[in-house]
């Protein structure tokens, strides 16, 4: 247990030693001289040594006082660093922010967020780990990560906060030689007999279930030929003639020449990235990150009346 009274006495000792005068030390400490003199006497009695020789010109250290001065000065410096570390921890400006993220979020969401956090908290270290969406909530609940960026949707209970960040229109990826490849839009029901390459349920149950539910709403259950771990893998399998895939339309730009991406006639939106965090652990860095993300969302969604006519 820390003896705070001794800490204070040592702090007073250091001031007198550095000033060489009780009056000047008292002024530096913002106190009157008699209480300072009394506290130094208490310290001497506790240590059973004499620390200062008092004289007309001031106070000089005894050999014992001079011997302990370097250790006391080092101790004071360590206390100063401790106080700074505590204040930085309280403000969230230091330490480690651990983020688990799916690969797409690492590309389109995290760079800007990490850059902004770095400006606000220069001493903060951000550690990013790639995860599957299915791992996000358990990792948050265990405290393995502070924030998760994944394909998540729904109510996760009072201990988990969540904010959908990105959604996209659903499109279909087809081999270049497919009979529907030349169509400007593809009706979902027309894909009922096609073999599907789908995002694995073991990786993202929410995303898998939403795709299957979308197909069922169109009157069929998808005939799943392959389950893969990433959207990029879906596109790659399609390029190899292993079926078709329902993917976010923004992935069109990443499709190789062997794959065409066509929008669906139906307007089907899917959540592609949600940020989630624990509500039971307070973290200034997490709170700042949520504030930044919320601000970006608000600026991205402008009222129609504020937009200029085309």
C-alpha atoms as a PDB file:
ATOM      1  CA  UNK A   1       0.000   0.000   0.000  1.00  0.00           C
ATOM      2  CA  UNK A   2       1.269   3.462  -0.885  1.00  0.00           C
ATOM      3  CA  UNK A   3       2.079   5.682   2.092  1.00  0.00           C
ATOM      4  CA  UNK A   4       0.777   8.962   0.684  1.00  0.00           C
ATOM      5  CA  UNK A   5       1.880  10.911   3.761  1.00  0.00           C
ATOM      6  CA  UNK A   6       5.469   9.799   3.175  1.00  0.00           C
ATOM      7  CA  UNK A   7       5.167  10.676  -0.506  1.00  0.00           C
ATOM      8  CA  UNK A   8       4.087  14.195   0.421  1.00  0.00           C
ATOM      9  CA  UNK A   9       6.919  14.568   2.931  1.00  0.00           C
ATOM     10  CA  UNK A  10       9.481  13.482   0.354  1.00  0.00           C
ATOM     11  CA  UNK A  11       8.036  15.992  -2.108  1.00  0.00           C
ATOM     12  CA  UNK A  12       8.467  18.750   0.480  1.00  0.00           C
ATOM     13  CA  UNK A  13      12.008  17.568   1.220  1.00  0.00           C
ATOM     14  CA  UNK A  14      12.878  17.809  -2.477  1.00  0.00           C
ATOM     15  CA  UNK A  15      11.583  21.392  -2.696  1.00  0.00           C
ATOM     16  CA  UNK A  16      13.649  22.540   0.288  1.00  0.00           C
ATOM     17  CA  UNK A  17      16.738  20.708  -0.980  1.00  0.00           C
ATOM     18  CA  UNK A  18      16.473  22.298  -4.422  1.00  0.00           C
ATOM     19  CA  UNK A  19      15.734  25.807  -3.119  1.00  0.00           C
ATOM     20  CA  UNK A  20      18.214  25.630  -0.219  1.00  0.00           C
ATOM     21  CA  UNK A  21      15.835  27.796   1.789  1.00  0.00           C
ATOM     22  CA  UNK A  22      12.621  27.057   3.711  1.00  0.00           C
ATOM     23  CA  UNK A  23      11.041  30.388   2.800  1.00  0.00           C
ATOM     24  CA  UNK A  24      11.648  30.050  -0.930  1.00  0.00           C
ATOM     25  CA  UNK A  25      10.516  26.410  -0.878  1.00  0.00           C
ATOM     26  CA  UNK A  26       7.303  27.383   0.936  1.00  0.00           C
ATOM     27  CA  UNK A  27       6.590  30.043  -1.674  1.00  0.00           C
ATOM     28  CA  UNK A  28       7.215  27.553  -4.499  1.00  0.00           C
ATOM     29  CA  UNK A  29       4.844  25.078  -2.875  1.00  0.00           C
ATOM     30  CA  UNK A  30       2.168  27.677  -2.249  1.00  0.00           C
ATOM     31  CA  UNK A  31       2.207  27.324   1.535  1.00  0.00           C
ATOM     32  CA  UNK A  32       3.459  29.226   4.546  1.00  0.00           C
ATOM     33  CA  UNK A  33       6.871  28.457   6.049  1.00  0.00           C
ATOM     34  CA  UNK A  34       5.909  27.186   9.553  1.00  0.00           C
ATOM     35  CA  UNK A  35       3.857  24.179   8.297  1.00  0.00           C
ATOM     36  CA  UNK A  36       6.670  23.310   5.868  1.00  0.00           C
ATOM     37  CA  UNK A  37       9.248  23.381   8.646  1.00  0.00           C
ATOM     38  CA  UNK A  38       6.964  21.245  10.813  1.00  0.00           C
ATOM     39  CA  UNK A  39       6.466  18.653   8.051  1.00  0.00           C
ATOM     40  CA  UNK A  40      10.213  18.343   7.456  1.00  0.00           C
ATOM     41  CA  UNK A  41      10.709  17.794  11.191  1.00  0.00           C
ATOM     42  CA  UNK A  42       8.055  15.040  11.089  1.00  0.00           C
ATOM     43  CA  UNK A  43       9.936  13.400   8.203  1.00  0.00           C
ATOM     44  CA  UNK A  44      13.231  13.582  10.098  1.00  0.00           C
ATOM     45  CA  UNK A  45      11.619  12.024  13.156  1.00  0.00           C
ATOM     46  CA  UNK A  46      10.099   9.245  11.055  1.00  0.00           C
ATOM     47  CA  UNK A  47      13.447   8.472   9.393  1.00  0.00           C
ATOM     48  CA  UNK A  48      15.368   9.050  12.630  1.00  0.00           C
ATOM     49  CA  UNK A  49      17.931  11.219  10.790  1.00  0.00           C
ATOM     50  CA  UNK A  50      18.691  14.910  10.383  1.00  0.00           C
ATOM     51  CA  UNK A  51      18.238  16.064   6.789  1.00  0.00           C
ATOM     52  CA  UNK A  52      19.048  19.776   6.926  1.00  0.00           C
ATOM     53  CA  UNK A  53      21.379  22.131   8.747  1.00  0.00           C
ATOM     54  CA  UNK A  54      19.461  25.366   9.399  1.00  0.00           C
ATOM     55  CA  UNK A  55      21.361  28.633   9.302  1.00  0.00           C
ATOM     56  CA  UNK A  56      20.923  32.335   8.636  1.00  0.00           C
ATOM     57  CA  UNK A  57      21.582  31.909   4.936  1.00  0.00           C
ATOM     58  CA  UNK A  58      19.158  29.049   4.507  1.00  0.00           C
ATOM     59  CA  UNK A  59      19.117  25.269   4.740  1.00  0.00           C
ATOM     60  CA  UNK A  60      21.936  22.990   3.632  1.00  0.00           C
ATOM     61  CA  UNK A  61      21.724  19.231   3.299  1.00  0.00           C
ATOM     62  CA  UNK A  62      23.403  17.023   5.855  1.00  0.00           C
ATOM     63  CA  UNK A  63      25.459  14.117   4.499  1.00  0.00           C
ATOM     64  CA  UNK A  64      22.435  11.847   4.969  1.00  0.00           C
ATOM     65  CA  UNK A  65      20.163  14.340   3.192  1.00  0.00           C
ATOM     66  CA  UNK A  66      22.612  14.626   0.322  1.00  0.00           C
ATOM     67  CA  UNK A  67      22.854  10.833   0.099  1.00  0.00           C
ATOM     68  CA  UNK A  68      19.108  10.301  -0.299  1.00  0.00           C
ATOM     69  CA  UNK A  69      18.508  13.304  -2.601  1.00  0.00           C
ATOM     70  CA  UNK A  70      19.202  11.462  -5.918  1.00  0.00           C
ATOM     71  CA  UNK A  71      16.785   8.668  -5.006  1.00  0.00           C
ATOM     72  CA  UNK A  72      14.099  11.148  -3.933  1.00  0.00           C
ATOM     73  CA  UNK A  73      14.533  13.146  -7.145  1.00  0.00           C
ATOM     74  CA  UNK A  74      14.222   9.967  -9.241  1.00  0.00           C
ATOM     75  CA  UNK A  75      11.144   8.976  -7.263  1.00  0.00           C
ATOM     76  CA  UNK A  76       9.578  12.388  -7.924  1.00  0.00           C
ATOM     77  CA  UNK A  77      10.240  12.030 -11.656  1.00  0.00           C
ATOM     78  CA  UNK A  78       8.593   8.609 -11.645  1.00  0.00           C
ATOM     79  CA  UNK A  79       5.582  10.047  -9.823  1.00  0.00           C
ATOM     80  CA  UNK A  80       5.341  12.750 -12.469  1.00  0.00           C
ATOM     81  CA  UNK A  81       5.383  10.161 -15.240  1.00  0.00           C
ATOM     82  CA  UNK A  82       2.779   8.108 -13.372  1.00  0.00           C
ATOM     83  CA  UNK A  83       0.498  11.121 -13.029  1.00  0.00           C
ATOM     84  CA  UNK A  84       0.846  11.863 -16.758  1.00  0.00           C
ATOM     85  CA  UNK A  85       0.132   8.231 -17.657  1.00  0.00           C
ATOM     86  CA  UNK A  86      -2.996   8.227 -15.506  1.00  0.00           C
ATOM     87  CA  UNK A  87      -4.258  11.434 -17.112  1.00  0.00           C
ATOM     88  CA  UNK A  88      -3.544  10.091 -20.606  1.00  0.00           C
ATOM     89  CA  UNK A  89      -5.314   6.829 -19.814  1.00  0.00           C
ATOM     90  CA  UNK A  90      -8.336   8.737 -18.527  1.00  0.00           C
ATOM     91  CA  UNK A  91      -8.432  10.878 -21.672  1.00  0.00           C
ATOM     92  CA  UNK A  92      -7.861   7.859 -23.919  1.00  0.00           C
ATOM     93  CA  UNK A  93      -4.815   9.454 -25.531  1.00  0.00           C
ATOM     94  CA  UNK A  94      -2.514   6.519 -24.869  1.00  0.00           C
ATOM     95  CA  UNK A  95      -2.674   2.753 -24.680  1.00  0.00           C
ATOM     96  CA  UNK A  96      -3.867   0.219 -27.258  1.00  0.00           C
ATOM     97  CA  UNK A  97      -7.157   0.117 -29.154  1.00  0.00           C
ATOM     98  CA  UNK A  98      -7.726  -3.426 -30.398  1.00  0.00           C
ATOM     99  CA  UNK A  99      -9.869  -3.773 -33.512  1.00  0.00           C
ATOM    100  CA  UNK A 100     -11.134  -6.947 -35.168  1.00  0.00           C
ATOM    101  CA  UNK A 101     -12.234  -6.461 -38.774  1.00  0.00           C
ATOM    102  CA  UNK A 102     -13.256  -8.306 -41.902  1.00  0.00           C
ATOM    103  CA  UNK A 103     -10.981  -7.713 -44.880  1.00  0.00           C
ATOM    104  CA  UNK A 104     -13.372  -5.402 -46.739  1.00  0.00           C
ATOM    105  CA  UNK A 105     -13.657  -3.095 -43.697  1.00  0.00           C
ATOM    106  CA  UNK A 106      -9.868  -2.988 -43.492  1.00  0.00           C
ATOM    107  CA  UNK A 107      -9.888  -1.547 -47.009  1.00  0.00           C
ATOM    108  CA  UNK A 108     -12.845   0.832 -47.075  1.00  0.00           C
ATOM    109  CA  UNK A 109     -13.488   1.913 -43.454  1.00  0.00           C
ATOM    110  CA  UNK A 110     -10.501   1.586 -41.153  1.00  0.00           C
ATOM    111  CA  UNK A 111      -7.834   3.714 -42.914  1.00  0.00           C
ATOM    112  CA  UNK A 112      -9.747   6.984 -42.522  1.00  0.00           C
ATOM    113  CA  UNK A 113     -10.822   6.144 -38.961  1.00  0.00           C
ATOM    114  CA  UNK A 114      -7.309   5.233 -37.821  1.00  0.00           C
ATOM    115  CA  UNK A 115      -5.944   8.411 -39.399  1.00  0.00           C
ATOM    116  CA  UNK A 116      -8.470  10.555 -37.501  1.00  0.00           C
ATOM    117  CA  UNK A 117      -7.815   8.735 -34.210  1.00  0.00           C
ATOM    118  CA  UNK A 118      -4.092   9.304 -34.710  1.00  0.00           C
ATOM    119  CA  UNK A 119      -4.694  13.055 -34.965  1.00  0.00           C
ATOM    120  CA  UNK A 120      -6.771  13.104 -31.777  1.00  0.00           C
ATOM    121  CA  UNK A 121      -4.631  10.696 -29.754  1.00  0.00           C
ATOM    122  CA  UNK A 122      -1.007  10.764 -30.993  1.00  0.00           C
ATOM    123  CA  UNK A 123       0.110   8.268 -28.335  1.00  0.00           C
ATOM    124  CA  UNK A 124      -2.658   5.745 -29.059  1.00  0.00           C
ATOM    125  CA  UNK A 125      -1.621   2.459 -30.667  1.00  0.00           C
ATOM    126  CA  UNK A 126      -4.283   0.873 -32.881  1.00  0.00           C
ATOM    127  CA  UNK A 127      -3.931  -2.889 -33.310  1.00  0.00           C
ATOM    128  CA  UNK A 128      -5.963  -4.457 -36.141  1.00  0.00           C
ATOM    129  CA  UNK A 129      -6.680  -8.186 -36.413  1.00  0.00           C
ATOM    130  CA  UNK A 130      -8.519  -9.827 -39.298  1.00  0.00           C
ATOM    131  CA  UNK A 131     -11.565 -11.769 -38.117  1.00  0.00           C
ATOM    132  CA  UNK A 132     -14.582 -13.516 -39.593  1.00  0.00           C
ATOM    133  CA  UNK A 133     -17.950 -11.947 -38.884  1.00  0.00           C
ATOM    134  CA  UNK A 134     -19.024 -14.914 -36.772  1.00  0.00           C
ATOM    135  CA  UNK A 135     -16.121 -14.234 -34.400  1.00  0.00           C
ATOM    136  CA  UNK A 136     -16.971 -10.583 -33.763  1.00  0.00           C
ATOM    137  CA  UNK A 137     -19.521 -10.710 -30.942  1.00  0.00           C
ATOM    138  CA  UNK A 138     -17.833 -13.519 -28.939  1.00  0.00           C
ATOM    139  CA  UNK A 139     -14.496 -11.683 -29.190  1.00  0.00           C
ATOM    140  CA  UNK A 140     -16.097  -8.497 -27.875  1.00  0.00           C
ATOM    141  CA  UNK A 141     -17.804 -10.357 -25.039  1.00  0.00           C
ATOM    142  CA  UNK A 142     -14.518 -12.006 -24.011  1.00  0.00           C
ATOM    143  CA  UNK A 143     -12.694  -8.680 -24.121  1.00  0.00           C
ATOM    144  CA  UNK A 144     -10.268  -9.894 -26.805  1.00  0.00           C
ATOM    145  CA  UNK A 145     -11.003  -6.813 -28.908  1.00  0.00           C
ATOM    146  CA  UNK A 146     -12.396  -3.338 -28.214  1.00  0.00           C
ATOM    147  CA  UNK A 147     -14.254  -2.875 -31.513  1.00  0.00           C
ATOM    148  CA  UNK A 148     -15.430  -5.137 -34.328  1.00  0.00           C
ATOM    149  CA  UNK A 149     -16.102  -4.275 -37.968  1.00  0.00           C
ATOM    150  CA  UNK A 150     -18.058  -7.095 -39.568  1.00  0.00           C
ATOM    151  CA  UNK A 151     -21.196  -8.158 -41.446  1.00  0.00           C
ATOM    152  CA  UNK A 152     -23.588  -7.951 -38.519  1.00  0.00           C
ATOM    153  CA  UNK A 153     -27.276  -7.243 -38.200  1.00  0.00           C
ATOM    154  CA  UNK A 154     -29.850  -7.498 -35.428  1.00  0.00           C
ATOM    155  CA  UNK A 155     -30.063  -7.051 -31.661  1.00  0.00           C
ATOM    156  CA  UNK A 156     -27.031  -8.319 -29.760  1.00  0.00           C
ATOM    157  CA  UNK A 157     -28.306  -7.602 -26.256  1.00  0.00           C
ATOM    158  CA  UNK A 158     -27.615  -4.784 -23.790  1.00  0.00           C
ATOM    159  CA  UNK A 159     -23.894  -5.516 -23.494  1.00  0.00           C
ATOM    160  CA  UNK A 160     -23.148  -4.859 -27.185  1.00  0.00           C
ATOM    161  CA  UNK A 161     -23.619  -1.596 -29.050  1.00  0.00           C
ATOM    162  CA  UNK A 162     -23.809  -1.638 -32.842  1.00  0.00           C
ATOM    163  CA  UNK A 163     -23.932   0.902 -35.656  1.00  0.00           C
ATOM    164  CA  UNK A 164     -24.499  -0.118 -39.300  1.00  0.00           C
ATOM    165  CA  UNK A 165     -21.949   1.729 -41.420  1.00  0.00           C
ATOM    166  CA  UNK A 166     -22.272   0.494 -44.977  1.00  0.00           C
ATOM    167  CA  UNK A 167     -24.975  -1.065 -47.070  1.00  0.00           C
ATOM    168  CA  UNK A 168     -25.068  -1.895 -50.757  1.00  0.00           C
ATOM    169  CA  UNK A 169     -27.459  -3.005 -53.457  1.00  0.00           C
ATOM    170  CA  UNK A 170     -27.316  -6.692 -54.228  1.00  0.00           C
ATOM    171  CA  UNK A 171     -26.074  -7.705 -57.688  1.00  0.00           C
ATOM    172  CA  UNK A 172     -25.326 -10.984 -59.415  1.00  0.00           C
ATOM    173  CA  UNK A 173     -21.877 -12.054 -60.588  1.00  0.00           C
ATOM    174  CA  UNK A 174     -22.010 -14.223 -63.712  1.00  0.00           C
ATOM    175  CA  UNK A 175     -19.438 -15.933 -65.920  1.00  0.00           C
ATOM    176  CA  UNK A 176     -18.799 -13.815 -68.999  1.00  0.00           C
ATOM    177  CA  UNK A 177     -20.297 -16.545 -71.185  1.00  0.00           C
ATOM    178  CA  UNK A 178     -23.501 -16.883 -69.133  1.00  0.00           C
ATOM    179  CA  UNK A 179     -26.807 -16.496 -70.997  1.00  0.00           C
ATOM    180  CA  UNK A 180     -27.752 -13.550 -68.727  1.00  0.00           C
ATOM    181  CA  UNK A 181     -24.396 -11.766 -69.093  1.00  0.00           C
ATOM    182  CA  UNK A 182     -25.708  -9.422 -71.784  1.00  0.00           C
ATOM    183  CA  UNK A 183     -28.802  -8.339 -69.863  1.00  0.00           C
ATOM    184  CA  UNK A 184     -28.788  -4.858 -68.257  1.00  0.00           C
ATOM    185  CA  UNK A 185     -30.649  -6.212 -65.187  1.00  0.00           C
ATOM    186  CA  UNK A 186     -31.419  -9.709 -63.968  1.00  0.00           C
ATOM    187  CA  UNK A 187     -34.613 -10.789 -62.247  1.00  0.00           C
ATOM    188  CA  UNK A 188     -33.797 -12.746 -59.093  1.00  0.00           C
ATOM    189  CA  UNK A 189     -36.431 -15.424 -59.764  1.00  0.00           C
ATOM    190  CA  UNK A 190     -34.735 -16.263 -63.075  1.00  0.00           C
ATOM    191  CA  UNK A 191     -31.734 -17.585 -61.098  1.00  0.00           C
ATOM    192  CA  UNK A 192     -33.738 -20.341 -59.406  1.00  0.00           C
ATOM    193  CA  UNK A 193     -32.060 -23.188 -61.331  1.00  0.00           C
ATOM    194  CA  UNK A 194     -28.544 -21.781 -61.170  1.00  0.00           C
ATOM    195  CA  UNK A 195     -25.734 -23.227 -58.996  1.00  0.00           C
ATOM    196  CA  UNK A 196     -24.712 -20.663 -56.357  1.00  0.00           C
ATOM    197  CA  UNK A 197     -21.365 -19.749 -54.857  1.00  0.00           C
ATOM    198  CA  UNK A 198     -22.374 -18.264 -51.523  1.00  0.00           C
ATOM    199  CA  UNK A 199     -20.732 -16.648 -48.530  1.00  0.00           C
ATOM    200  CA  UNK A 200     -20.237 -19.403 -45.927  1.00  0.00           C
ATOM    201  CA  UNK A 201     -22.640 -19.419 -42.996  1.00  0.00           C
ATOM    202  CA  UNK A 202     -19.784 -20.479 -40.712  1.00  0.00           C
ATOM    203  CA  UNK A 203     -18.085 -17.169 -41.512  1.00  0.00           C
ATOM    204  CA  UNK A 204     -21.092 -14.824 -41.386  1.00  0.00           C
ATOM    205  CA  UNK A 205     -24.412 -16.356 -40.321  1.00  0.00           C
ATOM    206  CA  UNK A 206     -26.264 -13.044 -40.653  1.00  0.00           C
ATOM    207  CA  UNK A 207     -25.068 -12.405 -44.198  1.00  0.00           C
ATOM    208  CA  UNK A 208     -25.684 -16.004 -45.300  1.00  0.00           C
ATOM    209  CA  UNK A 209     -29.188 -15.986 -43.839  1.00  0.00           C
ATOM    210  CA  UNK A 210     -30.034 -12.668 -45.495  1.00  0.00           C
ATOM    211  CA  UNK A 211     -29.015 -13.993 -48.926  1.00  0.00           C
ATOM    212  CA  UNK A 212     -31.000 -17.206 -48.500  1.00  0.00           C
ATOM    213  CA  UNK A 213     -34.027 -15.237 -47.245  1.00  0.00           C
ATOM    214  CA  UNK A 214     -33.774 -12.943 -50.283  1.00  0.00           C
ATOM    215  CA  UNK A 215     -33.887 -15.946 -52.619  1.00  0.00           C
ATOM    216  CA  UNK A 216     -36.807 -17.504 -50.763  1.00  0.00           C
ATOM    217  CA  UNK A 217     -38.706 -14.234 -50.980  1.00  0.00           C
ATOM    218  CA  UNK A 218     -38.287 -14.546 -54.776  1.00  0.00           C
ATOM    219  CA  UNK A 219     -39.828 -18.029 -54.664  1.00  0.00           C
ATOM    220  CA  UNK A 220     -36.889 -20.432 -54.518  1.00  0.00           C
ATOM    221  CA  UNK A 221     -34.174 -21.834 -52.293  1.00  0.00           C
ATOM    222  CA  UNK A 222     -30.681 -21.339 -53.732  1.00  0.00           C
ATOM    223  CA  UNK A 223     -28.920 -24.467 -54.999  1.00  0.00           C
ATOM    224  CA  UNK A 224     -25.599 -23.985 -53.223  1.00  0.00           C
ATOM    225  CA  UNK A 225     -22.628 -25.530 -55.006  1.00  0.00           C
ATOM    226  CA  UNK A 226     -19.816 -23.852 -53.040  1.00  0.00           C
ATOM    227  CA  UNK A 227     -19.531 -21.979 -49.724  1.00  0.00           C
ATOM    228  CA  UNK A 228     -16.512 -19.649 -49.520  1.00  0.00           C
ATOM    229  CA  UNK A 229     -14.980 -17.357 -46.908  1.00  0.00           C
ATOM    230  CA  UNK A 230     -14.823 -14.025 -48.770  1.00  0.00           C
ATOM    231  CA  UNK A 231     -16.701 -12.084 -51.421  1.00  0.00           C
ATOM    232  CA  UNK A 232     -13.486 -12.013 -53.452  1.00  0.00           C
ATOM    233  CA  UNK A 233     -13.531 -15.812 -53.426  1.00  0.00           C
ATOM    234  CA  UNK A 234     -17.133 -15.775 -54.667  1.00  0.00           C
ATOM    235  CA  UNK A 235     -16.071 -13.720 -57.663  1.00  0.00           C
ATOM    236  CA  UNK A 236     -13.037 -15.952 -58.282  1.00  0.00           C
ATOM    237  CA  UNK A 237     -15.173 -19.114 -58.247  1.00  0.00           C
ATOM    238  CA  UNK A 238     -17.623 -17.509 -60.675  1.00  0.00           C
ATOM    239  CA  UNK A 239     -14.712 -16.691 -62.969  1.00  0.00           C
ATOM    240  CA  UNK A 240     -13.754 -20.361 -62.935  1.00  0.00           C
ATOM    241  CA  UNK A 241     -17.239 -21.358 -64.105  1.00  0.00           C
ATOM    242  CA  UNK A 242     -18.247 -22.751 -60.713  1.00  0.00           C
ATOM    243  CA  UNK A 243     -21.651 -21.052 -60.563  1.00  0.00           C
ATOM    244  CA  UNK A 244     -23.077 -17.588 -59.976  1.00  0.00           C
ATOM    245  CA  UNK A 245     -22.979 -15.393 -56.876  1.00  0.00           C
ATOM    246  CA  UNK A 246     -25.020 -12.681 -55.208  1.00  0.00           C
ATOM    247  CA  UNK A 247     -22.572  -9.955 -54.177  1.00  0.00           C
ATOM    248  CA  UNK A 248     -22.629  -6.238 -53.227  1.00  0.00           C
ATOM    249  CA  UNK A 249     -22.786  -4.192 -56.423  1.00  0.00           C
ATOM    250  CA  UNK A 250     -19.729  -2.145 -55.421  1.00  0.00           C
ATOM    251  CA  UNK A 251     -17.614  -5.260 -56.020  1.00  0.00           C
ATOM    252  CA  UNK A 252     -18.158  -4.795 -59.762  1.00  0.00           C
ATOM    253  CA  UNK A 253     -14.948  -2.792 -59.980  1.00  0.00           C
ATOM    254  CA  UNK A 254     -12.974  -5.715 -58.569  1.00  0.00           C
ATOM    255  CA  UNK A 255     -14.358  -8.319 -60.982  1.00  0.00           C
ATOM    256  CA  UNK A 256     -11.903  -9.849 -63.483  1.00  0.00           C
ATOM    257  CA  UNK A 257     -12.561  -9.907 -67.237  1.00  0.00           C
ATOM    258  CA  UNK A 258     -14.026 -13.411 -66.947  1.00  0.00           C
ATOM    259  CA  UNK A 259     -16.869 -12.136 -64.720  1.00  0.00           C
ATOM    260  CA  UNK A 260     -19.687  -9.680 -65.365  1.00  0.00           C
ATOM    261  CA  UNK A 261     -21.706  -8.102 -62.553  1.00  0.00           C
ATOM    262  CA  UNK A 262     -25.299  -7.175 -63.293  1.00  0.00           C
ATOM    263  CA  UNK A 263     -27.737  -5.356 -60.990  1.00  0.00           C
ATOM    264  CA  UNK A 264     -30.888  -7.161 -59.923  1.00  0.00           C
ATOM    265  CA  UNK A 265     -34.245  -5.860 -61.096  1.00  0.00           C
ATOM    266  CA  UNK A 266     -35.342  -6.026 -57.454  1.00  0.00           C
ATOM    267  CA  UNK A 267     -33.941  -3.372 -55.122  1.00  0.00           C
ATOM    268  CA  UNK A 268     -32.373  -5.496 -52.392  1.00  0.00           C
ATOM    269  CA  UNK A 269     -30.069  -3.816 -49.878  1.00  0.00           C
ATOM    270  CA  UNK A 270     -27.646  -5.721 -47.673  1.00  0.00           C
ATOM    271  CA  UNK A 271     -25.589  -4.445 -44.747  1.00  0.00           C
ATOM    272  CA  UNK A 272     -21.946  -4.990 -45.601  1.00  0.00           C
ATOM    273  CA  UNK A 273     -20.251  -3.446 -42.545  1.00  0.00           C
ATOM    274  CA  UNK A 274     -21.397  -2.822 -38.964  1.00  0.00           C
ATOM    275  CA  UNK A 275     -19.241  -1.569 -36.111  1.00  0.00           C
ATOM    276  CA  UNK A 276     -19.882  -3.199 -32.742  1.00  0.00           C
ATOM    277  CA  UNK A 277     -18.432  -2.572 -29.285  1.00  0.00           C
ATOM    278  CA  UNK A 278     -18.931  -3.565 -25.647  1.00  0.00           C
ATOM    279  CA  UNK A 279     -21.152  -1.247 -23.638  1.00  0.00           C
ATOM    280  CA  UNK A 280     -19.845  -2.632 -20.339  1.00  0.00           C
ATOM    281  CA  UNK A 281     -16.260  -1.393 -20.805  1.00  0.00           C
ATOM    282  CA  UNK A 282     -15.685   2.358 -20.940  1.00  0.00           C
ATOM    283  CA  UNK A 283     -12.991   3.544 -23.320  1.00  0.00           C
ATOM    284  CA  UNK A 284     -12.446   7.144 -24.451  1.00  0.00           C
ATOM    285  CA  UNK A 285     -10.800   5.853 -27.644  1.00  0.00           C
ATOM    286  CA  UNK A 286     -13.829   3.694 -28.497  1.00  0.00           C
ATOM    287  CA  UNK A 287     -16.181   6.572 -27.725  1.00  0.00           C
ATOM    288  CA  UNK A 288     -14.148   8.855 -29.984  1.00  0.00           C
ATOM    289  CA  UNK A 289     -14.169   6.261 -32.767  1.00  0.00           C
ATOM    290  CA  UNK A 290     -17.960   5.925 -32.595  1.00  0.00           C
ATOM    291  CA  UNK A 291     -18.277   9.715 -32.643  1.00  0.00           C
ATOM    292  CA  UNK A 292     -16.077   9.913 -35.756  1.00  0.00           C
ATOM    293  CA  UNK A 293     -17.993   7.155 -37.545  1.00  0.00           C
ATOM    294  CA  UNK A 294     -21.367   8.665 -36.622  1.00  0.00           C
ATOM    295  CA  UNK A 295     -20.198  12.043 -37.908  1.00  0.00           C
ATOM    296  CA  UNK A 296     -19.120  10.504 -41.215  1.00  0.00           C
ATOM    297  CA  UNK A 297     -22.501   8.792 -41.537  1.00  0.00           C
ATOM    298  CA  UNK A 298     -24.360  12.023 -40.837  1.00  0.00           C
ATOM    299  CA  UNK A 299     -22.358  13.936 -43.447  1.00  0.00           C
ATOM    300  CA  UNK A 300     -22.825  11.167 -46.021  1.00  0.00           C
ATOM    301  CA  UNK A 301     -26.625  11.106 -45.633  1.00  0.00           C
ATOM    302  CA  UNK A 302     -27.751  14.627 -46.524  1.00  0.00           C
ATOM    303  CA  UNK A 303     -31.378  15.715 -46.729  1.00  0.00           C
ATOM    304  CA  UNK A 304     -32.721  15.627 -50.266  1.00  0.00           C
ATOM    305  CA  UNK A 305     -33.591  19.328 -50.086  1.00  0.00           C
ATOM    306  CA  UNK A 306     -29.946  20.170 -49.430  1.00  0.00           C
ATOM    307  CA  UNK A 307     -28.764  18.465 -52.612  1.00  0.00           C
ATOM    308  CA  UNK A 308     -28.305  20.432 -55.799  1.00  0.00           C
ATOM    309  CA  UNK A 309     -30.505  19.451 -58.685  1.00  0.00           C
ATOM    310  CA  UNK A 310     -28.764  17.464 -61.424  1.00  0.00           C
END
